[in-house]
PDB file of N, CA and C in Angstrom:
ATOM      1  N   MET A   1     -20.553 -19.849  19.073  1.00  0.00           N
ATOM      2  CA  MET A   1     -20.405 -19.445  17.691  1.00  0.00           C
ATOM      3  C   MET A   1     -19.676 -18.097  17.642  1.00  0.00           C
ATOM      4  N   ASP A   2     -18.570 -18.054  16.919  1.00  0.00           N
ATOM      5  CA  ASP A   2     -17.763 -16.834  16.811  1.00  0.00           C
ATOM      6  C   ASP A   2     -18.229 -16.036  15.600  1.00  0.00           C
ATOM      7  N   LEU A   3     -18.862 -14.894  15.847  1.00  0.00           N
ATOM      8  CA  LEU A   3     -19.388 -14.066  14.773  1.00  0.00           C
ATOM      9  C   LEU A   3     -18.355 -13.041  14.337  1.00  0.00           C
ATOM     10  N   THR A   4     -18.412 -12.654  13.067  1.00  0.00           N
ATOM     11  CA  THR A   4     -17.525 -11.618  12.566  1.00  0.00           C
ATOM     12  C   THR A   4     -17.897 -10.278  13.185  1.00  0.00           C
ATOM     13  N   THR A   5     -16.973  -9.314  13.113  1.00  0.00           N
ATOM     14  CA  THR A   5     -17.276  -8.004  13.678  1.00  0.00           C
ATOM     15  C   THR A   5     -18.409  -7.329  12.925  1.00  0.00           C
ATOM     16  N   GLN A   6     -18.557  -7.614  11.613  1.00  0.00           N
ATOM     17  CA  GLN A   6     -19.672  -7.038  10.869  1.00  0.00           C
ATOM     18  C   GLN A   6     -21.002  -7.556  11.381  1.00  0.00           C
ATOM     19  N   THR A   7     -21.036  -8.798  11.828  1.00  0.00           N
ATOM     20  CA  THR A   7     -22.267  -9.387  12.353  1.00  0.00           C
ATOM     21  C   THR A   7     -22.558  -8.870  13.761  1.00  0.00           C
ATOM     22  N   ARG A   8     -21.510  -8.760  14.563  1.00  0.00           N
ATOM     23  CA  ARG A   8     -21.694  -8.285  15.935  1.00  0.00           C
ATOM     24  C   ARG A   8     -21.954  -6.784  16.002  1.00  0.00           C
ATOM     25  N   HIS A   9     -21.381  -6.019  15.075  1.00  0.00           N
ATOM     26  CA  HIS A   9     -21.499  -4.556  15.088  1.00  0.00           C
ATOM     27  C   HIS A   9     -21.833  -4.046  13.685  1.00  0.00           C
ATOM     28  N   PRO A  10     -23.036  -4.349  13.188  1.00  0.00           N
ATOM     29  CA  PRO A  10     -23.367  -3.985  11.805  1.00  0.00           C
ATOM     30  C   PRO A  10     -23.356  -2.486  11.542  1.00  0.00           C
ATOM     31  N   TRP A  11     -23.663  -1.675  12.541  1.00  0.00           N
ATOM     32  CA  TRP A  11     -23.664  -0.231  12.330  1.00  0.00           C
ATOM     33  C   TRP A  11     -22.256   0.286  12.083  1.00  0.00           C
ATOM     34  N   ARG A  12     -21.237  -0.364  12.657  1.00  0.00           N
ATOM     35  CA  ARG A  12     -19.849   0.036  12.407  1.00  0.00           C
ATOM     36  C   ARG A  12     -19.455  -0.270  10.968  1.00  0.00           C
ATOM     37  N   ALA A  13     -19.840  -1.452  10.482  1.00  0.00           N
ATOM     38  CA  ALA A  13     -19.542  -1.804   9.089  1.00  0.00           C
ATOM     39  C   ALA A  13     -20.230  -0.825   8.144  1.00  0.00           C
ATOM     40  N   THR A  14     -21.454  -0.452   8.483  1.00  0.00           N
ATOM     41  CA  THR A  14     -22.190   0.517   7.662  1.00  0.00           C
ATOM     42  C   THR A  14     -21.493   1.867   7.683  1.00  0.00           C
ATOM     43  N   ALA A  15     -21.086   2.330   8.855  1.00  0.00           N
ATOM     44  CA  ALA A  15     -20.406   3.631   8.971  1.00  0.00           C
ATOM     45  C   ALA A  15     -19.103   3.640   8.192  1.00  0.00           C
ATOM     46  N   ARG A  16     -18.359   2.545   8.245  1.00  0.00           N
ATOM     47  CA  ARG A  16     -17.087   2.460   7.518  1.00  0.00           C
ATOM     48  C   ARG A  16     -17.330   2.489   6.010  1.00  0.00           C
ATOM     49  N   THR A  17     -18.354   1.793   5.551  1.00  0.00           N
ATOM     50  CA  THR A  17     -18.666   1.781   4.124  1.00  0.00           C
ATOM     51  C   THR A  17     -19.114   3.161   3.658  1.00  0.00           C
ATOM     52  N   ILE A  18     -19.944   3.815   4.463  1.00  0.00           N
ATOM     53  CA  ILE A  18     -20.387   5.164   4.107  1.00  0.00           C
ATOM     54  C   ILE A  18     -19.198   6.124   4.076  1.00  0.00           C
ATOM     55  N   ALA A  19     -18.306   6.021   5.060  1.00  0.00           N
ATOM     56  CA  ALA A  19     -17.123   6.883   5.092  1.00  0.00           C
ATOM     57  C   ALA A  19     -16.273   6.665   3.843  1.00  0.00           C
ATOM     58  N   ALA A  20     -16.075   5.414   3.454  1.00  0.00           N
ATOM     59  CA  ALA A  20     -15.294   5.128   2.251  1.00  0.00           C
ATOM     60  C   ALA A  20     -15.978   5.695   1.017  1.00  0.00           C
ATOM     61  N   GLY A  21     -17.287   5.567   0.936  1.00  0.00           N
ATOM     62  CA  GLY A  21     -18.036   6.094  -0.205  1.00  0.00           C
ATOM     63  C   GLY A  21     -17.988   7.613  -0.281  1.00  0.00           C
ATOM     64  N   VAL A  22     -18.113   8.258   0.873  1.00  0.00           N
ATOM     65  CA  VAL A  22     -18.059   9.727   0.901  1.00  0.00           C
ATOM     66  C   VAL A  22     -16.677  10.218   0.482  1.00  0.00           C
ATOM     67  N   ILE A  23     -15.636   9.596   1.008  1.00  0.00           N
ATOM     68  CA  ILE A  23     -14.277   9.992   0.630  1.00  0.00           C
ATOM     69  C   ILE A  23     -14.045   9.741  -0.849  1.00  0.00           C
ATOM     70  N   GLY A  24     -14.566   8.619  -1.354  1.00  0.00           N
ATOM     71  CA  GLY A  24     -14.464   8.343  -2.785  1.00  0.00           C
ATOM     72  C   GLY A  24     -15.194   9.388  -3.616  1.00  0.00           C
ATOM     73  N   ALA A  25     -16.366   9.803  -3.162  1.00  0.00           N
ATOM     74  CA  ALA A  25     -17.143  10.809  -3.893  1.00  0.00           C
ATOM     75  C   ALA A  25     -16.457  12.173  -3.868  1.00  0.00           C
ATOM     76  N   VAL A  26     -15.764  12.483  -2.774  1.00  0.00           N
ATOM     77  CA  VAL A  26     -15.048  13.760  -2.687  1.00  0.00           C
ATOM     78  C   VAL A  26     -13.997  13.861  -3.783  1.00  0.00           C
ATOM     79  N   SER A  27     -13.436  12.733  -4.177  1.00  0.00           N
ATOM     80  CA  SER A  27     -12.421  12.768  -5.235  1.00  0.00           C
ATOM     81  C   SER A  27     -13.004  13.207  -6.569  1.00  0.00           C
ATOM     82  N   LEU A  28     -14.323  13.237  -6.669  1.00  0.00           N
ATOM     83  CA  LEU A  28     -14.971  13.657  -7.914  1.00  0.00           C
ATOM     84  C   LEU A  28     -15.221  15.157  -7.999  1.00  0.00           C
ATOM     85  N   VAL A  29     -14.870  15.901  -6.973  1.00  0.00           N
ATOM     86  CA  VAL A  29     -15.139  17.337  -6.981  1.00  0.00           C
ATOM     87  C   VAL A  29     -14.620  18.020  -8.250  1.00  0.00           C
ATOM     88  N   PRO A  30     -13.396  17.746  -8.712  1.00  0.00           N
ATOM     89  CA  PRO A  30     -12.947  18.372  -9.957  1.00  0.00           C
ATOM     90  C   PRO A  30     -13.817  17.973 -11.155  1.00  0.00           C
ATOM     91  N   THR A  31     -14.252  16.736 -11.175  1.00  0.00           N
ATOM     92  CA  THR A  31     -15.091  16.266 -12.276  1.00  0.00           C
ATOM     93  C   THR A  31     -16.455  16.940 -12.225  1.00  0.00           C
ATOM     94  N   ILE A  32     -17.012  17.055 -11.027  1.00  0.00           N
ATOM     95  CA  ILE A  32     -18.315  17.698 -10.869  1.00  0.00           C
ATOM     96  C   ILE A  32     -18.241  19.161 -11.304  1.00  0.00           C
ATOM     97  N   ALA A  33     -17.090  19.785 -11.075  1.00  0.00           N
ATOM     98  CA  ALA A  33     -16.917  21.191 -11.427  1.00  0.00           C
ATOM     99  C   ALA A  33     -16.866  21.406 -12.942  1.00  0.00           C
ATOM    100  N   MET A  34     -16.579  20.370 -13.675  1.00  0.00           N
ATOM    101  CA  MET A  34     -16.504  20.495 -15.134  1.00  0.00           C
ATOM    102  C   MET A  34     -17.905  20.673 -15.723  1.00  0.00           C
ATOM    103  N   THR A  35     -17.959  21.258 -16.880  1.00  0.00           N
ATOM    104  CA  THR A  35     -19.243  21.439 -17.557  1.00  0.00           C
ATOM    105  C   THR A  35     -19.594  20.214 -18.381  1.00  0.00           C
ATOM    106  N   ALA A  36     -20.578  20.332 -19.249  1.00  0.00           N
ATOM    107  CA  ALA A  36     -21.086  19.219 -20.064  1.00  0.00           C
ATOM    108  C   ALA A  36     -19.957  18.502 -20.788  1.00  0.00           C
ATOM    109  N   GLY A  37     -20.218  17.265 -21.132  1.00  0.00           N
ATOM    110  CA  GLY A  37     -19.230  16.460 -21.842  1.00  0.00           C
ATOM    111  C   GLY A  37     -18.506  15.479 -20.944  1.00  0.00           C
ATOM    112  N   VAL A  38     -18.871  15.443 -19.674  1.00  0.00           N
ATOM    113  CA  VAL A  38     -18.237  14.512 -18.744  1.00  0.00           C
ATOM    114  C   VAL A  38     -18.884  13.142 -18.933  1.00  0.00           C
ATOM    115  N   ASP A  39     -18.068  12.158 -19.189  1.00  0.00           N
ATOM    116  CA  ASP A  39     -18.576  10.798 -19.376  1.00  0.00           C
ATOM    117  C   ASP A  39     -18.820  10.165 -18.003  1.00  0.00           C
ATOM    118  N   ALA A  40     -20.004   9.616 -17.786  1.00  0.00           N
ATOM    119  CA  ALA A  40     -20.386   9.083 -16.474  1.00  0.00           C
ATOM    120  C   ALA A  40     -19.644   7.798 -16.106  1.00  0.00           C
ATOM    121  N   VAL A  41     -19.272   6.978 -17.091  1.00  0.00           N
ATOM    122  CA  VAL A  41     -18.636   5.690 -16.784  1.00  0.00           C
ATOM    123  C   VAL A  41     -17.309   5.877 -16.050  1.00  0.00           C
ATOM    124  N   PRO A  42     -16.395   6.750 -16.515  1.00  0.00           N
ATOM    125  CA  PRO A  42     -15.161   6.934 -15.746  1.00  0.00           C
ATOM    126  C   PRO A  42     -15.416   7.496 -14.346  1.00  0.00           C
ATOM    127  N   ALA A  43     -16.418   8.335 -14.187  1.00  0.00           N
ATOM    128  CA  ALA A  43     -16.728   8.897 -12.876  1.00  0.00           C
ATOM    129  C   ALA A  43     -17.184   7.800 -11.916  1.00  0.00           C
ATOM    130  N   VAL A  44     -18.052   6.935 -12.376  1.00  0.00           N
ATOM    131  CA  VAL A  44     -18.523   5.828 -11.526  1.00  0.00           C
ATOM    132  C   VAL A  44     -17.365   4.897 -11.200  1.00  0.00           C
ATOM    133  N   ALA A  45     -16.546   4.598 -12.191  1.00  0.00           N
ATOM    134  CA  ALA A  45     -15.386   3.731 -11.959  1.00  0.00           C
ATOM    135  C   ALA A  45     -14.441   4.362 -10.936  1.00  0.00           C
ATOM    136  N   GLN A  46     -14.259   5.660 -11.011  1.00  0.00           N
ATOM    137  CA  GLN A  46     -13.387   6.358 -10.066  1.00  0.00           C
ATOM    138  C   GLN A  46     -13.914   6.226  -8.648  1.00  0.00           C
ATOM    139  N   VAL A  47     -15.198   6.440  -8.439  1.00  0.00           N
ATOM    140  CA  VAL A  47     -15.780   6.323  -7.095  1.00  0.00           C
ATOM    141  C   VAL A  47     -15.612   4.901  -6.572  1.00  0.00           C
ATOM    142  N   VAL A  48     -15.890   3.914  -7.396  1.00  0.00           N
ATOM    143  CA  VAL A  48     -15.782   2.520  -6.960  1.00  0.00           C
ATOM    144  C   VAL A  48     -14.340   2.174  -6.614  1.00  0.00           C
ATOM    145  N   LEU A  49     -13.388   2.584  -7.438  1.00  0.00           N
ATOM    146  CA  LEU A  49     -11.983   2.271  -7.173  1.00  0.00           C
ATOM    147  C   LEU A  49     -11.469   2.967  -5.920  1.00  0.00           C
ATOM    148  N   VAL A  50     -11.807   4.231  -5.747  1.00  0.00           N
ATOM    149  CA  VAL A  50     -11.345   4.960  -4.558  1.00  0.00           C
ATOM    150  C   VAL A  50     -11.991   4.373  -3.304  1.00  0.00           C
ATOM    151  N   ALA A  51     -13.294   4.092  -3.345  1.00  0.00           N
ATOM    152  CA  ALA A  51     -13.968   3.501  -2.182  1.00  0.00           C
ATOM    153  C   ALA A  51     -13.387   2.127  -1.865  1.00  0.00           C
ATOM    154  N   GLY A  52     -13.084   1.341  -2.888  1.00  0.00           N
ATOM    155  CA  GLY A  52     -12.471   0.024  -2.675  1.00  0.00           C
ATOM    156  C   GLY A  52     -11.096   0.142  -2.041  1.00  0.00           C
ATOM    157  N   ALA A  53     -10.311   1.106  -2.517  1.00  0.00           N
ATOM    158  CA  ALA A  53      -8.974   1.314  -1.951  1.00  0.00           C
ATOM    159  C   ALA A  53      -9.069   1.761  -0.494  1.00  0.00           C
ATOM    160  N   ILE A  54      -9.999   2.642  -0.198  1.00  0.00           N
ATOM    161  CA  ILE A  54     -10.163   3.121   1.172  1.00  0.00           C
ATOM    162  C   ILE A  54     -10.633   1.990   2.084  1.00  0.00           C
ATOM    163  N   THR A  55     -11.554   1.177   1.589  1.00  0.00           N
ATOM    164  CA  THR A  55     -12.034   0.036   2.370  1.00  0.00           C
ATOM    165  C   THR A  55     -10.885  -0.923   2.672  1.00  0.00           C
ATOM    166  N   ARG A  56     -10.007  -1.132   1.691  1.00  0.00           N
ATOM    167  CA  ARG A  56      -8.851  -2.013   1.886  1.00  0.00           C
ATOM    168  C   ARG A  56      -7.916  -1.432   2.945  1.00  0.00           C
ATOM    169  N   VAL A  57      -7.668  -0.142   2.880  1.00  0.00           N
ATOM    170  CA  VAL A  57      -6.802   0.502   3.867  1.00  0.00           C
ATOM    171  C   VAL A  57      -7.432   0.422   5.251  1.00  0.00           C
ATOM    172  N   LEU A  58      -8.745   0.621   5.346  1.00  0.00           N
ATOM    173  CA  LEU A  58      -9.431   0.536   6.638  1.00  0.00           C
ATOM    174  C   LEU A  58      -9.322  -0.857   7.251  1.00  0.00           C
ATOM    175  N   ALA A  59      -9.100  -1.875   6.431  1.00  0.00           N
ATOM    176  CA  ALA A  59      -9.009  -3.249   6.921  1.00  0.00           C
ATOM    177  C   ALA A  59      -7.624  -3.590   7.472  1.00  0.00           C
ATOM    178  N   LEU A  60      -6.626  -2.739   7.245  1.00  0.00           N
ATOM    179  CA  LEU A  60      -5.277  -3.008   7.754  1.00  0.00           C
ATOM    180  C   LEU A  60      -5.272  -2.921   9.282  1.00  0.00           C
ATOM    181  N   PRO A  61      -4.628  -3.868   9.955  1.00  0.00           N
ATOM    182  CA  PRO A  61      -4.617  -3.864  11.420  1.00  0.00           C
ATOM    183  C   PRO A  61      -4.087  -2.560  12.028  1.00  0.00           C
ATOM    184  N   ALA A  62      -3.039  -1.989  11.454  1.00  0.00           N
ATOM    185  CA  ALA A  62      -2.478  -0.748  11.999  1.00  0.00           C
ATOM    186  C   ALA A  62      -3.474   0.408  11.856  1.00  0.00           C
ATOM    187  N   VAL A  63      -4.175   0.461  10.730  1.00  0.00           N
ATOM    188  CA  VAL A  63      -5.164   1.508  10.510  1.00  0.00           C
ATOM    189  C   VAL A  63      -6.336   1.306  11.465  1.00  0.00           C
ATOM    190  N   ASP A  64      -6.766   0.064  11.621  1.00  0.00           N
ATOM    191  CA  ASP A  64      -7.868  -0.208  12.539  1.00  0.00           C
ATOM    192  C   ASP A  64      -7.496   0.173  13.970  1.00  0.00           C
ATOM    193  N   ALA A  65      -6.254  -0.107  14.365  1.00  0.00           N
ATOM    194  CA  ALA A  65      -5.808   0.273  15.710  1.00  0.00           C
ATOM    195  C   ALA A  65      -5.832   1.794  15.861  1.00  0.00           C
ATOM    196  N   TRP A  66      -5.396   2.518  14.843  1.00  0.00           N
ATOM    197  CA  TRP A  66      -5.419   3.985  14.877  1.00  0.00           C
ATOM    198  C   TRP A  66      -6.858   4.493  14.965  1.00  0.00           C
ATOM    199  N   LEU A  67      -7.740   3.897  14.146  1.00  0.00           N
ATOM    200  CA  LEU A  67      -9.148   4.298  14.171  1.00  0.00           C
ATOM    201  C   LEU A  67      -9.764   4.057  15.545  1.00  0.00           C
ATOM    202  N   ARG A  68      -9.482   2.892  16.116  1.00  0.00           N
ATOM    203  CA  ARG A  68     -10.051   2.576  17.433  1.00  0.00           C
ATOM    204  C   ARG A  68      -9.574   3.540  18.502  1.00  0.00           C
ATOM    205  N   ARG A  69      -8.370   4.089  18.304  1.00  0.00           N
ATOM    206  CA  ARG A  69      -7.837   5.026  19.294  1.00  0.00           C
ATOM    207  C   ARG A  69      -8.358   6.449  19.078  1.00  0.00           C
ATOM    208  N   PHE A  70      -8.352   6.925  17.823  1.00  0.00           N
ATOM    209  CA  PHE A  70      -8.664   8.321  17.554  1.00  0.00           C
ATOM    210  C   PHE A  70     -10.065   8.564  16.984  1.00  0.00           C
ATOM    211  N   VAL A  71     -10.633   7.570  16.310  1.00  0.00           N
ATOM    212  CA  VAL A  71     -11.984   7.694  15.736  1.00  0.00           C
ATOM    213  C   VAL A  71     -12.722   6.386  16.049  1.00  0.00           C
ATOM    214  N   PRO A  72     -13.028   6.142  17.318  1.00  0.00           N
ATOM    215  CA  PRO A  72     -13.538   4.830  17.737  1.00  0.00           C
ATOM    216  C   PRO A  72     -14.811   4.380  17.037  1.00  0.00           C
ATOM    217  N   TRP A  73     -15.659   5.301  16.588  1.00  0.00           N
ATOM    218  CA  TRP A  73     -16.901   4.892  15.928  1.00  0.00           C
ATOM    219  C   TRP A  73     -16.641   4.315  14.532  1.00  0.00           C
ATOM    220  N   LEU A  74     -15.430   4.473  13.979  1.00  0.00           N
ATOM    221  CA  LEU A  74     -15.094   3.871  12.690  1.00  0.00           C
ATOM    222  C   LEU A  74     -14.272   2.591  12.845  1.00  0.00           C
ATOM    223  N   GLY A  75     -13.883   2.237  14.054  1.00  0.00           N
ATOM    224  CA  GLY A  75     -13.116   1.018  14.270  1.00  0.00           C
ATOM    225  C   GLY A  75     -13.957  -0.217  13.966  1.00  0.00           C
ATOM    226  N   ALA A  76     -13.272  -1.315  13.653  1.00  0.00           N
ATOM    227  CA  ALA A  76     -13.994  -2.547  13.312  1.00  0.00           C
ATOM    228  C   ALA A  76     -14.749  -3.107  14.504  1.00  0.00           C
ATOM    229  N   ALA A  77     -14.261  -2.854  15.700  1.00  0.00           N
ATOM    230  CA  ALA A  77     -14.913  -3.325  16.919  1.00  0.00           C
ATOM    231  C   ALA A  77     -14.760  -2.242  17.978  1.00  0.00           C
ATOM    232  N   PRO A  78     -15.644  -2.215  18.958  1.00  0.00           N
ATOM    233  CA  PRO A  78     -15.526  -1.197  20.010  1.00  0.00           C
ATOM    234  C   PRO A  78     -14.220  -1.360  20.786  1.00  0.00           C
ATOM    235  N   ALA A  79     -13.697  -0.251  21.273  1.00  0.00           N
ATOM    236  CA  ALA A  79     -12.507  -0.307  22.123  1.00  0.00           C
ATOM    237  C   ALA A  79     -12.855  -1.037  23.400  1.00  0.00           C
ATOM    238  N   GLU A  80     -11.918  -1.823  23.860  1.00  0.00           N
ATOM    239  CA  GLU A  80     -12.165  -2.604  25.080  1.00  0.00           C
ATOM    240  C   GLU A  80     -11.680  -1.898  26.308  1.00  0.00           C
TER     241      GLU A  80
END
């Protein structure tokens, strides 16, 4: 049975998702710096869209190859 990399290495999938979420949340720093009157819906949408975009980029073969070389704990599978 051929398992997906998420099944074989669930901690890597978790680390990649957390990394995408953290990077997405960092994009909110200007919004967080603002005072009252900030609408929460656009902020949540921004985090979801940025995290989704980062997750998509992380799935590209060239990006995964770079990650496996320079940041191996974020690669989709361990370096061989």
